[in-house]
Amino acid sequence: MNNTYDYVIVGSGSAGCVLAFRLTEDPSVKVLLLEAGGSSDAFFIKMPSGYGKIIGDPRYDWCYNSGPEPHIHKRELFTPRGKVIGGSSSINGMAYVRGHRNDFDQWHRSGNTGWSWDQVLPLFGKIENYHGEFTNNRSTTGRMHVSVIDPHPLSARIIEAAEQAGLPAGGDYNCGDPNGLGLMQMNKWHGKRFSSEAAYLKPAMERPNLTLISGAEVSRVVLEGRVAVGVEYLHQGLKATARAREEVILAAGAINSPKLLQLSGIGAPDRLAAAGVPVVHALPGVGENLQDHYNIGIQLPLKNVGSINEQMRGFRLIFNGIRYLFTGGGILGNSPAQVTGYSRVMEDADSADIQLWGMPGSVRVVRGGKGENKLVMDSTPGVSLSFTQNRPASRGHVHIKTSDPQAKPEIVNNYLSEQLDQRVAVRGLRLIRKILEQPAFDGIRAGTAGPDEAFAHDDALLDYARKNGRSSYHLAGTCRMGHSVDAVVDHELRVHGLDRLRVIDSSIMPTIVSANTHAATMMIAEKGAELLLKTRRETRSV
């Protein structure tokens, strides 16, 4: 069996699917795509509201937990990552949110040439096939369907309340400098999730120059001197090696890409030595700079009105299930979160510094297993409003603890470790309560928004944030792009000090985007594919 390809891609997630499609557009390019998980054909993956049944299921999810988080009462937070074809795009909430102009301009200003908003905007255009009312800077010719949610009436009340609280009327939150709330734009089509697999990988699989091997857990990058020549992986209980004539590409995400580099002897020497891994290439930034959006929310109990809470239990759930099966519509054809948008809570912020999330239902987080990992809907009517800090100052890490490729790494986010993040948490909580106190909910409120004791003073609010916040599952930054001593890849996504090895996924973000990371990760992959093919052309012209 010939196990040599031009490119070997590790991970078939939001980035890997894009890379596989773009690289194989040239029929002379032979690509191997390795995925640790299996098929994404499960019913609850396809159903937009079904991801709550998927995350936490080891058939589709790596089921990571953070370690005890030192600044939020040592809580261990559940950290799902897709272990399935399509990666996390097969298990996420399907929100399509690009981020802010300032995010990308800051990447560019920090020395990452080619990553400004104006330069990446055409790449977003290659991604999206947008079905909605907004036209400025939007594309209808891309591969990824982006549809506006079919809203519950309470979602309109949340938007109205935000305007009454002083937020501007929501426009297109993907405009580049958004402010105000609007209806969710989602990656769904004809009542089903539209993942990176659906948009990019399935069409590419019709090409003879693409090979996909699922159930393949990569254990290390094979290096000859300073040159990456392939990867080792375990498939059906057997060890195998795939070789790359051109380049090895890690697209395994913000946990598994740095984990693989460390297992390959690439990282901080002291960390590698502690894990029993010989140092091949000292690169201290590998696994550092971990960032996530810490989600903090409150609920408002309601009366004399219906919410999705009652629709998700008993005979109503059965009815909604039948409706979805026959029409693809109804509440099961939407994500429970239906509203998002932005606001500014710190006066000196360059742009909106929090992202808000509204749901026409109310949920609470319960503990299951080692981490806090399950959202349970209330039985009586309610709405939820939460927020995340767009640009958290806190930084964490992903460190291997052993040389065993199947051992889970140590993940610590250090949520709320920085004073700025603490101030934003307090101000954000006060803003979302203010929104839920507006006249839009008069006549249907059945109590106050959030526990009154938490809003007694700032210290109580901060303690509430420490006790009740959770991960948004937006992990990024652990193979950061840049040219400083702690950077892992350069502005062309090449691993510093090594040849023919790139990282192309959310881990390269120097600072996390002010948004869900799925759209920006696909953009990174579109950019990465262009860079790979540029190198290929230059090599052949010499």
Protein backbone atom coordinates (compact mmCIF):
# COMPACT_ATOMS: atom_id res chain seq x y z
CA MET A 1 0.00 0.00 0.00
CA ASN A 2 1.34 3.42 -1.01
CA ASN A 3 0.97 5.63 2.05
CA THR A 4 2.66 8.71 0.58
CA TYR A 5 0.71 11.88 -0.27
CA ASP A 6 1.49 15.46 -1.14
CA TYR A 7 -0.26 16.75 1.99
CA VAL A 8 -1.28 15.01 5.20
CA ILE A 9 -3.97 16.84 7.16
CA VAL A 10 -4.67 15.90 10.78
CA GLY A 11 -8.28 16.63 11.74
CA SER A 12 -11.46 16.89 9.68
CA GLY A 13 -13.03 19.76 11.62
CA SER A 14 -13.94 23.32 10.66
CA ALA A 15 -10.45 23.87 9.21
CA GLY A 16 -9.58 20.40 7.93
CA CYS A 17 -12.65 20.11 5.71
CA VAL A 18 -11.89 23.46 4.08
CA LEU A 19 -8.26 22.51 3.50
CA ALA A 20 -9.17 19.15 1.98
CA PHE A 21 -11.55 20.81 -0.47
CA ARG A 22 -9.23 23.63 -1.54
CA LEU A 23 -6.08 21.53 -1.91
CA THR A 24 -7.80 18.85 -4.00
CA GLU A 25 -9.26 21.36 -6.44
CA ASP A 26 -5.99 20.72 -8.27
CA PRO A 27 -6.32 17.11 -9.49
CA SER A 28 -2.54 16.67 -9.39
CA VAL A 29 -2.48 17.20 -5.61
CA LYS A 30 -2.88 14.04 -3.53
CA VAL A 31 -4.24 14.60 0.00
CA LEU A 32 -4.72 12.37 3.04
CA LEU A 33 -7.17 13.52 5.71
CA LEU A 34 -6.95 11.74 9.07
CA GLU A 35 -9.84 11.90 11.54
CA ALA A 36 -9.92 10.27 14.98
CA GLY A 37 -13.72 10.09 15.04
CA GLY A 38 -16.27 8.50 12.79
CA SER A 39 -19.44 9.26 10.85
CA SER A 40 -21.56 12.34 11.53
CA ASP A 41 -24.75 10.71 10.27
CA ALA A 42 -26.38 10.53 13.72
CA PHE A 43 -29.92 11.95 13.80
CA PHE A 44 -29.20 14.36 16.65
CA ILE A 45 -26.17 15.78 14.82
CA LYS A 46 -28.32 16.68 11.84
CA MET A 47 -31.18 18.13 13.94
CA PRO A 48 -30.32 21.75 14.84
CA SER A 49 -31.60 21.50 18.42
CA GLY A 50 -30.03 18.09 18.98
CA TYR A 51 -26.50 19.05 19.93
CA GLY A 52 -27.38 18.81 23.61
CA LYS A 53 -27.73 15.06 23.04
CA ILE A 54 -24.36 14.88 21.25
CA ILE A 55 -21.92 16.80 23.42
CA GLY A 56 -20.74 14.57 26.20
CA ASP A 57 -21.22 11.44 24.09
CA PRO A 58 -17.77 9.82 23.65
CA ARG A 59 -18.82 8.52 20.23
CA TYR A 60 -18.70 12.11 18.92
CA ASP A 61 -16.90 14.17 21.55
CA TRP A 62 -13.41 14.07 23.08
CA CYS A 63 -15.19 14.86 26.40
CA TYR A 64 -12.40 16.97 27.84
CA ASN A 65 -12.64 18.67 31.22
CA SER A 66 -10.59 21.57 32.41
CA GLY A 67 -8.52 21.07 35.51
CA PRO A 68 -9.67 22.76 38.70
CA GLU A 69 -9.90 26.40 37.65
CA PRO A 70 -8.03 28.42 40.29
CA HIS A 71 -10.06 31.64 40.03
CA ILE A 72 -13.60 30.22 39.87
CA HIS A 73 -13.66 28.17 43.08
CA LYS A 74 -11.60 25.35 41.54
CA ARG A 75 -14.50 24.17 39.43
CA GLU A 76 -13.75 21.72 36.62
CA LEU A 77 -15.58 22.81 33.47
CA PHE A 78 -16.68 20.48 30.72
CA THR A 79 -14.89 21.27 27.46
CA PRO A 80 -16.41 19.40 24.50
CA ARG A 81 -14.47 19.07 21.24
CA GLY A 82 -15.76 17.25 18.18
CA LYS A 83 -14.36 13.75 17.69
CA VAL A 84 -16.33 13.10 14.51
CA ILE A 85 -16.12 13.90 10.81
CA GLY A 86 -16.79 17.63 10.68
CA GLY A 87 -15.14 18.10 14.07
CA SER A 88 -16.70 20.67 16.34
CA SER A 89 -18.76 22.00 13.41
CA SER A 90 -20.76 18.76 13.78
CA ILE A 91 -21.56 19.32 17.46
CA ASN A 92 -21.62 23.11 17.94
CA GLY A 93 -24.57 25.51 18.23
CA MET A 94 -24.27 26.46 14.52
CA ALA A 95 -23.98 30.21 15.18
CA TYR A 96 -22.26 32.00 12.30
CA VAL A 97 -20.43 35.02 13.73
CA ARG A 98 -17.34 36.48 12.06
CA GLY A 99 -15.88 38.73 14.75
CA HIS A 100 -14.89 42.39 14.76
CA ARG A 101 -12.80 44.43 12.37
CA ASN A 102 -10.53 45.29 15.31
CA ASP A 103 -9.78 41.62 15.98
CA PHE A 104 -8.11 41.10 12.64
CA ASP A 105 -6.61 44.56 12.39
CA GLN A 106 -4.88 43.89 15.72
CA TRP A 107 -3.47 40.62 14.35
CA HIS A 108 -2.07 42.60 11.42
CA ARG A 109 -0.72 45.44 13.60
CA SER A 110 1.13 42.94 15.77
CA GLY A 111 3.22 41.84 12.78
CA ASN A 112 1.04 39.21 11.15
CA THR A 113 1.09 40.60 7.63
CA GLY A 114 -1.96 39.80 5.54
CA TRP A 115 -4.47 39.27 8.35
CA SER A 116 -6.24 42.65 8.55
CA TRP A 117 -10.04 42.88 8.29
CA ASP A 118 -9.90 44.21 4.74
CA GLN A 119 -7.58 41.36 3.74
CA VAL A 120 -9.61 38.54 5.32
CA LEU A 121 -13.03 39.87 4.29
CA PRO A 122 -12.80 38.27 0.79
CA LEU A 123 -12.07 34.95 2.50
CA PHE A 124 -15.29 35.21 4.50
CA GLY A 125 -16.96 35.87 1.15
CA LYS A 126 -15.60 32.55 -0.15
CA ILE A 127 -17.18 30.81 2.83
CA GLU A 128 -20.70 32.13 3.11
CA ASN A 129 -23.83 31.64 1.05
CA TYR A 130 -25.94 34.07 3.04
CA HIS A 131 -29.74 33.96 3.02
CA GLY A 132 -30.86 37.12 4.79
CA GLU A 133 -31.76 40.78 4.57
CA PHE A 134 -28.33 42.38 4.96
CA THR A 135 -26.22 42.99 1.87
CA ASN A 136 -23.22 45.12 2.83
CA ASN A 137 -20.04 42.99 2.82
CA ARG A 138 -22.10 39.80 2.63
CA SER A 139 -21.73 37.00 0.09
CA THR A 140 -24.27 34.74 -1.55
CA THR A 141 -21.74 32.72 -3.56
CA GLY A 142 -19.81 30.81 -0.89
CA ARG A 143 -20.05 27.17 0.11
CA MET A 144 -21.50 27.51 3.62
CA HIS A 145 -25.24 28.15 3.94
CA VAL A 146 -25.97 30.88 6.48
CA SER A 147 -29.66 31.17 7.36
CA VAL A 148 -31.50 33.49 9.77
CA ILE A 149 -33.25 31.65 12.56
CA ASP A 150 -37.05 31.21 12.61
CA PRO A 151 -37.62 32.99 15.93
CA HIS A 152 -39.85 32.32 18.90
CA PRO A 153 -41.96 35.40 19.87
CA LEU A 154 -39.98 35.81 23.09
CA SER A 155 -36.83 36.38 21.05
CA ALA A 156 -38.40 39.56 19.65
CA ARG A 157 -39.07 40.70 23.21
CA ILE A 158 -35.41 40.22 24.13
CA ILE A 159 -34.34 42.41 21.19
CA GLU A 160 -36.99 45.01 22.07
CA ALA A 161 -35.84 45.06 25.70
CA ALA A 162 -32.24 45.62 24.62
CA GLU A 163 -33.28 48.67 22.64
CA GLN A 164 -35.30 49.95 25.61
CA ALA A 165 -32.15 49.55 27.74
CA GLY A 166 -30.23 51.83 25.39
CA LEU A 167 -28.58 49.45 22.94
CA PRO A 168 -28.90 50.51 19.30
CA ALA A 169 -31.36 48.76 17.04
CA GLY A 170 -29.62 45.63 15.89
CA GLY A 171 -28.26 45.61 12.38
CA ASP A 172 -26.02 42.93 10.90
CA TYR A 173 -23.75 41.70 13.69
CA ASN A 174 -21.40 40.39 10.99
CA CYS A 175 -20.81 43.90 9.61
CA GLY A 176 -17.36 44.30 11.19
CA ASP A 177 -18.15 46.81 13.95
CA PRO A 178 -21.47 45.61 15.40
CA ASN A 179 -23.50 46.97 18.30
CA GLY A 180 -26.97 45.89 19.42
CA LEU A 181 -28.86 42.60 19.30
CA GLY A 182 -30.33 40.70 16.37
CA LEU A 183 -31.60 37.30 15.37
CA MET A 184 -29.07 34.49 15.10
CA GLN A 185 -27.49 33.68 11.75
CA MET A 186 -26.90 29.94 11.64
CA ASN A 187 -25.19 27.27 9.58
CA LYS A 188 -28.33 25.32 8.76
CA TRP A 189 -30.14 24.47 5.56
CA HIS A 190 -33.50 22.82 4.90
CA GLY A 191 -33.98 22.14 8.58
CA LYS A 192 -30.59 20.47 9.12
CA ARG A 193 -27.17 21.40 10.46
CA PHE A 194 -24.88 22.55 7.67
CA SER A 195 -21.40 21.72 8.91
CA SER A 196 -17.98 22.16 7.33
CA GLU A 197 -18.30 18.56 6.26
CA ALA A 198 -21.51 19.31 4.34
CA ALA A 199 -20.10 22.46 2.75
CA TYR A 200 -16.58 21.32 1.90
CA LEU A 201 -15.74 17.70 2.62
CA LYS A 202 -18.63 15.85 1.00
CA PRO A 203 -18.08 17.54 -2.38
CA ALA A 204 -14.34 16.93 -2.09
CA MET A 205 -14.86 13.23 -1.37
CA GLU A 206 -16.06 12.80 -4.94
CA ARG A 207 -12.49 13.52 -6.10
CA PRO A 208 -10.09 10.59 -6.51
CA ASN A 209 -7.15 12.61 -5.14
CA LEU A 210 -8.60 12.82 -1.59
CA THR A 211 -8.33 9.95 0.90
CA LEU A 212 -10.17 10.12 4.23
CA ILE A 213 -9.28 7.68 7.00
CA SER A 214 -11.61 7.90 10.00
CA GLY A 215 -10.92 6.26 13.33
CA ALA A 216 -7.27 7.28 12.96
CA GLU A 217 -5.72 8.72 16.12
CA VAL A 218 -2.47 10.49 15.29
CA SER A 219 0.27 9.97 17.88
CA ARG A 220 3.08 12.17 16.58
CA VAL A 221 4.58 14.12 13.71
CA VAL A 222 7.51 12.30 12.11
CA LEU A 223 10.55 14.55 11.78
CA GLU A 224 13.79 13.97 9.93
CA GLY A 225 16.07 16.59 11.37
CA ARG A 226 14.10 19.84 11.17
CA VAL A 227 11.79 18.60 8.42
CA ALA A 228 8.32 17.15 8.93
CA VAL A 229 7.93 14.16 6.65
CA GLY A 230 4.76 12.51 7.92
CA VAL A 231 2.73 11.35 10.90
CA GLU A 232 2.27 8.16 12.89
CA TYR A 233 -1.25 7.07 13.75
CA LEU A 234 -3.23 4.21 15.22
CA HIS A 235 -5.98 2.72 13.07
CA GLN A 236 -8.01 -0.38 13.93
CA GLY A 237 -5.49 -1.30 16.57
CA LEU A 238 -2.51 -1.12 14.22
CA LYS A 239 0.23 1.49 13.98
CA ALA A 240 0.71 3.14 10.61
CA THR A 241 2.77 5.92 9.08
CA ALA A 242 1.67 8.36 6.40
CA ARG A 243 4.33 10.38 4.60
CA ALA A 244 3.96 13.83 3.06
CA ARG A 245 5.95 14.95 0.04
CA GLU A 246 4.97 18.58 0.51
CA GLU A 247 3.75 19.38 4.05
CA VAL A 248 2.13 18.07 7.21
CA ILE A 249 -0.79 20.19 8.40
CA LEU A 250 -2.17 20.10 11.92
CA ALA A 251 -5.85 21.11 11.92
CA ALA A 252 -6.77 19.29 15.11
CA GLY A 253 -7.92 22.29 17.14
CA ALA A 254 -6.80 24.30 20.14
CA ILE A 255 -6.38 21.24 22.37
CA ASN A 256 -5.16 18.50 20.05
CA SER A 257 -2.82 20.51 17.82
CA PRO A 258 -0.57 21.63 20.70
CA LYS A 259 -0.93 18.17 22.24
CA LEU A 260 0.42 16.59 19.03
CA LEU A 261 3.31 19.03 18.81
CA GLN A 262 4.27 18.24 22.39
CA LEU A 263 3.99 14.48 21.82
CA SER A 264 6.35 15.00 18.88
CA GLY A 265 8.98 16.64 21.09
CA ILE A 266 8.09 20.18 20.02
CA GLY A 267 7.47 22.53 22.93
CA ALA A 268 8.87 23.89 26.17
CA PRO A 269 11.78 21.65 27.23
CA ASP A 270 10.80 21.56 30.91
CA ARG A 271 7.21 20.58 30.07
CA LEU A 272 8.35 17.87 27.68
CA ALA A 273 10.85 16.49 30.19
CA ALA A 274 8.16 16.34 32.89
CA ALA A 275 5.99 14.31 30.52
CA GLY A 276 8.82 11.96 29.56
CA VAL A 277 9.09 13.19 25.95
CA PRO A 278 12.55 13.81 24.45
CA VAL A 279 13.04 17.35 23.20
CA VAL A 280 13.30 17.53 19.42
CA HIS A 281 12.69 21.24 18.96
CA ALA A 282 12.41 23.78 21.77
CA LEU A 283 9.40 26.02 21.23
CA PRO A 284 8.19 27.44 24.55
CA GLY A 285 4.87 28.83 23.33
CA VAL A 286 3.32 25.49 22.40
CA GLY A 287 0.22 24.97 24.50
CA GLU A 288 0.35 28.43 26.10
CA ASN A 289 -1.92 31.45 25.43
CA LEU A 290 -5.15 29.41 25.80
CA GLN A 291 -8.21 31.64 25.52
CA ASP A 292 -11.94 31.01 25.77
CA HIS A 293 -15.09 33.06 26.22
CA TYR A 294 -16.43 32.64 29.77
CA ASN A 295 -20.23 32.66 29.61
CA ILE A 296 -22.19 34.20 32.50
CA GLY A 297 -25.97 34.44 32.49
CA ILE A 298 -29.19 34.93 34.41
CA GLN A 299 -32.79 33.82 33.92
CA LEU A 300 -36.10 35.66 34.12
CA PRO A 301 -39.13 33.55 35.19
CA LEU A 302 -42.29 34.28 33.21
CA LYS A 303 -46.05 33.78 33.45
CA ASN A 304 -49.03 34.05 31.09
CA VAL A 305 -46.79 33.21 28.13
CA GLY A 306 -45.20 30.17 26.55
CA SER A 307 -41.47 29.61 26.22
CA ILE A 308 -39.52 26.73 24.74
CA ASN A 309 -39.20 25.20 28.22
CA GLU A 310 -42.65 23.61 28.09
CA GLN A 311 -42.20 22.66 24.44
CA MET A 312 -39.24 20.43 25.26
CA ARG A 313 -41.03 17.97 27.54
CA GLY A 314 -43.96 15.59 27.60
CA PHE A 315 -46.52 15.40 24.82
CA ARG A 316 -45.42 18.78 23.44
CA LEU A 317 -41.97 17.38 22.76
CA ILE A 318 -43.53 14.41 20.99
CA PHE A 319 -45.62 16.77 18.86
CA ASN A 320 -42.59 18.92 18.05
CA GLY A 321 -40.63 15.80 17.15
CA ILE A 322 -43.32 14.72 14.69
CA ARG A 323 -43.46 18.23 13.26
CA TYR A 324 -39.70 18.27 12.75
CA LEU A 325 -39.67 14.85 11.10
CA PHE A 326 -42.30 15.90 8.56
CA THR A 327 -41.37 19.55 7.98
CA GLY A 328 -37.85 20.16 9.29
CA GLY A 329 -39.31 23.14 11.16
CA GLY A 330 -40.52 24.15 14.59
CA ILE A 331 -38.43 24.56 17.71
CA LEU A 332 -36.41 21.42 17.00
CA GLY A 333 -35.36 22.89 13.66
CA ASN A 334 -33.70 25.82 15.42
CA SER A 335 -30.98 26.27 17.97
CA PRO A 336 -32.35 27.11 21.46
CA ALA A 337 -30.18 30.26 21.46
CA GLN A 338 -31.87 32.62 19.00
CA VAL A 339 -30.50 36.10 19.71
CA THR A 340 -26.99 37.46 19.76
CA GLY A 341 -25.21 40.77 19.39
CA TYR A 342 -22.84 43.18 21.08
CA SER A 343 -22.49 45.99 23.56
CA ARG A 344 -19.78 48.04 25.24
CA VAL A 345 -19.49 48.02 29.05
CA MET A 346 -16.01 49.53 29.56
CA GLU A 347 -15.69 53.17 28.56
CA ASP A 348 -12.18 52.79 27.15
CA ALA A 349 -12.94 49.72 25.01
CA ASP A 350 -11.95 50.11 21.34
CA SER A 351 -15.21 48.50 20.25
CA ALA A 352 -18.03 46.48 21.77
CA ASP A 353 -16.44 44.36 24.48
CA ILE A 354 -19.15 41.82 25.27
CA GLN A 355 -21.26 39.50 23.16
CA LEU A 356 -24.77 38.78 24.43
CA TRP A 357 -26.86 35.64 24.03
CA GLY A 358 -30.63 35.44 24.36
CA MET A 359 -32.79 32.33 24.53
CA PRO A 360 -36.60 32.08 24.70
CA GLY A 361 -36.19 29.52 27.47
CA SER A 362 -34.30 29.19 30.73
CA VAL A 363 -31.59 26.72 31.62
CA ARG A 364 -29.35 25.79 34.52
CA VAL A 365 -26.02 23.99 34.54
CA VAL A 366 -25.79 20.74 36.48
CA ARG A 367 -22.81 18.59 37.32
CA GLY A 368 -22.38 15.27 35.57
CA GLY A 369 -19.28 13.15 35.86
CA LYS A 370 -16.16 15.17 36.66
CA GLY A 371 -17.12 18.43 35.00
CA GLU A 372 -20.10 20.75 34.96
CA ASN A 373 -21.42 19.58 31.68
CA LYS A 374 -25.15 19.55 31.23
CA LEU A 375 -27.65 22.31 30.56
CA VAL A 376 -31.13 21.42 31.82
CA MET A 377 -34.21 23.40 30.85
CA ASP A 378 -36.60 24.63 33.51
CA SER A 379 -40.12 23.18 33.61
CA THR A 380 -41.90 26.55 33.81
CA PRO A 381 -41.70 29.48 31.36
CA GLY A 382 -38.66 31.74 31.30
CA VAL A 383 -35.99 33.45 29.21
CA SER A 384 -32.21 33.49 29.58
CA LEU A 385 -29.74 36.23 28.81
CA SER A 386 -25.99 35.73 29.07
CA PHE A 387 -22.81 37.35 27.84
CA THR A 388 -19.16 36.64 27.14
CA GLN A 389 -16.19 39.00 27.23
CA ASN A 390 -14.98 39.50 23.67
CA ARG A 391 -11.30 39.94 24.42
CA PRO A 392 -10.46 38.30 27.77
CA ALA A 393 -7.10 39.17 29.30
CA SER A 394 -6.86 35.85 31.16
CA ARG A 395 -4.64 33.16 29.64
CA GLY A 396 -4.42 29.44 30.25
CA HIS A 397 -2.59 26.44 28.85
CA VAL A 398 -2.80 22.93 27.38
CA HIS A 399 0.01 20.64 28.62
CA ILE A 400 0.55 16.94 28.07
CA LYS A 401 1.15 15.07 31.32
CA THR A 402 2.55 11.88 29.82
CA SER A 403 3.99 10.52 26.59
CA ASP A 404 0.88 8.35 26.11
CA PRO A 405 -0.93 9.73 23.01
CA GLN A 406 -4.30 8.57 24.35
CA ALA A 407 -3.95 10.36 27.70
CA LYS A 408 -5.89 13.59 28.06
CA PRO A 409 -3.82 16.74 28.52
CA GLU A 410 -4.07 19.21 31.36
CA ILE A 411 -6.35 22.09 30.36
CA VAL A 412 -6.49 25.20 32.54
CA ASN A 413 -8.18 28.37 31.28
CA ASN A 414 -7.56 30.68 34.27
CA TYR A 415 -10.97 32.33 33.79
CA LEU A 416 -11.33 35.65 35.66
CA SER A 417 -7.68 35.71 36.70
CA GLU A 418 -7.25 39.29 35.42
CA GLN A 419 -8.82 42.39 36.96
CA LEU A 420 -10.13 43.61 33.59
CA ASP A 421 -12.07 40.38 33.14
CA GLN A 422 -13.49 40.70 36.65
CA ARG A 423 -14.70 44.27 35.99
CA VAL A 424 -16.26 43.24 32.69
CA ALA A 425 -18.03 40.35 34.43
CA VAL A 426 -19.62 42.67 36.98
CA ARG A 427 -20.66 45.31 34.45
CA GLY A 428 -21.94 42.72 32.02
CA LEU A 429 -24.17 41.17 34.67
CA ARG A 430 -25.61 44.57 35.54
CA LEU A 431 -26.33 45.24 31.85
CA ILE A 432 -28.14 41.97 31.18
CA ARG A 433 -30.29 42.45 34.30
CA LYS A 434 -31.10 45.96 33.14
CA ILE A 435 -32.26 44.53 29.79
CA LEU A 436 -34.50 41.94 31.43
CA GLU A 437 -36.04 44.65 33.65
CA GLN A 438 -37.34 46.62 30.66
CA PRO A 439 -41.05 47.16 29.82
CA ALA A 440 -40.87 44.56 27.03
CA PHE A 441 -41.41 41.94 29.76
CA ASP A 442 -44.07 43.81 31.73
CA GLY A 443 -47.17 41.73 32.29
CA ILE A 444 -45.38 38.41 31.83
CA ARG A 445 -42.58 38.53 34.41
CA ALA A 446 -43.05 36.14 37.31
CA GLY A 447 -40.12 37.35 39.41
CA THR A 448 -36.82 39.18 39.21
CA ALA A 449 -34.01 38.45 36.80
CA GLY A 450 -31.25 36.59 38.55
CA PRO A 451 -30.90 36.14 42.31
CA ASP A 452 -31.38 39.43 44.15
CA GLU A 453 -28.61 38.67 46.62
CA ALA A 454 -26.08 38.48 43.79
CA PHE A 455 -26.86 42.06 42.76
CA ALA A 456 -26.42 43.52 46.25
CA HIS A 457 -22.90 44.79 45.51
CA ASP A 458 -19.99 44.25 43.11
CA ASP A 459 -18.23 41.63 45.23
CA ALA A 460 -21.40 39.54 45.34
CA LEU A 461 -21.74 39.82 41.58
CA LEU A 462 -18.16 38.75 41.02
CA ASP A 463 -18.69 35.76 43.29
CA TYR A 464 -21.84 34.87 41.34
CA ALA A 465 -19.79 35.04 38.13
CA ARG A 466 -17.13 32.77 39.61
CA LYS A 467 -19.71 30.21 40.76
CA ASN A 468 -22.04 30.18 37.75
CA GLY A 469 -20.05 30.91 34.60
CA ARG A 470 -19.20 28.21 32.09
CA SER A 471 -17.12 27.66 28.98
CA SER A 472 -18.48 28.82 25.63
CA TYR A 473 -16.41 26.05 24.03
CA HIS A 474 -14.51 28.68 21.98
CA LEU A 475 -10.98 27.51 22.67
CA ALA A 476 -8.20 29.28 20.78
CA GLY A 477 -4.64 30.56 20.83
CA THR A 478 -2.48 27.62 21.93
CA CYS A 479 -0.23 27.71 18.82
CA ARG A 480 -0.29 31.46 18.49
CA MET A 481 0.70 33.22 15.30
CA GLY A 482 3.42 35.83 15.55
CA HIS A 483 7.14 36.52 15.61
CA SER A 484 7.87 36.88 19.33
CA VAL A 485 9.67 34.28 21.43
CA ASP A 486 6.39 32.70 22.57
CA ALA A 487 4.87 32.45 19.07
CA VAL A 488 4.46 28.99 17.55
CA VAL A 489 3.72 29.77 13.89
CA ASP A 490 4.59 32.70 11.65
CA HIS A 491 2.12 34.78 9.64
CA GLU A 492 2.11 32.06 6.98
CA LEU A 493 1.24 29.46 9.65
CA ARG A 494 4.60 27.67 9.42
CA VAL A 495 5.90 26.27 12.71
CA HIS A 496 8.90 28.34 13.74
CA GLY A 497 12.22 26.60 13.23
CA LEU A 498 10.83 23.61 11.31
CA ASP A 499 10.19 22.96 7.65
CA ARG A 500 7.09 21.53 5.96
CA LEU A 501 4.94 21.74 9.09
CA ARG A 502 2.02 24.14 9.54
CA VAL A 503 -0.79 24.58 12.03
CA ILE A 504 -4.04 25.79 10.49
CA ASP A 505 -6.93 26.01 12.96
CA SER A 506 -8.23 28.13 15.85
CA SER A 507 -5.07 27.52 17.86
CA ILE A 508 -3.14 30.04 15.75
CA MET A 509 -5.25 33.03 16.86
CA PRO A 510 -2.92 35.47 18.68
CA THR A 511 -6.00 36.86 20.42
CA ILE A 512 -9.38 35.21 20.28
CA VAL A 513 -11.92 36.72 17.90
CA SER A 514 -14.88 38.57 19.40
CA ALA A 515 -17.25 35.83 18.32
CA ASN A 516 -17.90 32.14 18.09
CA THR A 517 -14.75 30.69 16.57
CA HIS A 518 -16.24 28.50 13.81
CA ALA A 519 -16.49 31.16 11.08
CA ALA A 520 -13.03 32.58 11.79
CA THR A 521 -11.53 29.08 11.82
CA MET A 522 -12.92 28.40 8.35
CA MET A 523 -11.48 31.73 7.25
CA ILE A 524 -8.09 30.73 8.66
CA ALA A 525 -8.30 27.53 6.62
CA GLU A 526 -9.20 29.40 3.43
CA LYS A 527 -6.18 31.61 4.02
CA GLY A 528 -4.03 28.60 4.92
CA ALA A 529 -4.96 26.81 1.69
CA GLU A 530 -3.95 29.87 -0.33
CA LEU A 531 -0.60 29.97 1.48
CA LEU A 532 0.04 26.26 0.91
CA LEU A 533 -0.71 26.48 -2.79
CA LYS A 534 1.40 29.62 -3.09
CA THR A 535 4.36 27.73 -1.61
CA ARG A 536 3.71 24.82 -3.97
CA ARG A 537 3.75 27.13 -7.00
CA GLU A 538 6.92 28.88 -5.85
CA THR A 539 8.68 25.57 -5.24
CA ARG A 540 7.84 24.34 -8.73
CA SER A 541 8.93 27.55 -10.40
CA VAL A 542 12.46 27.35 -9.00
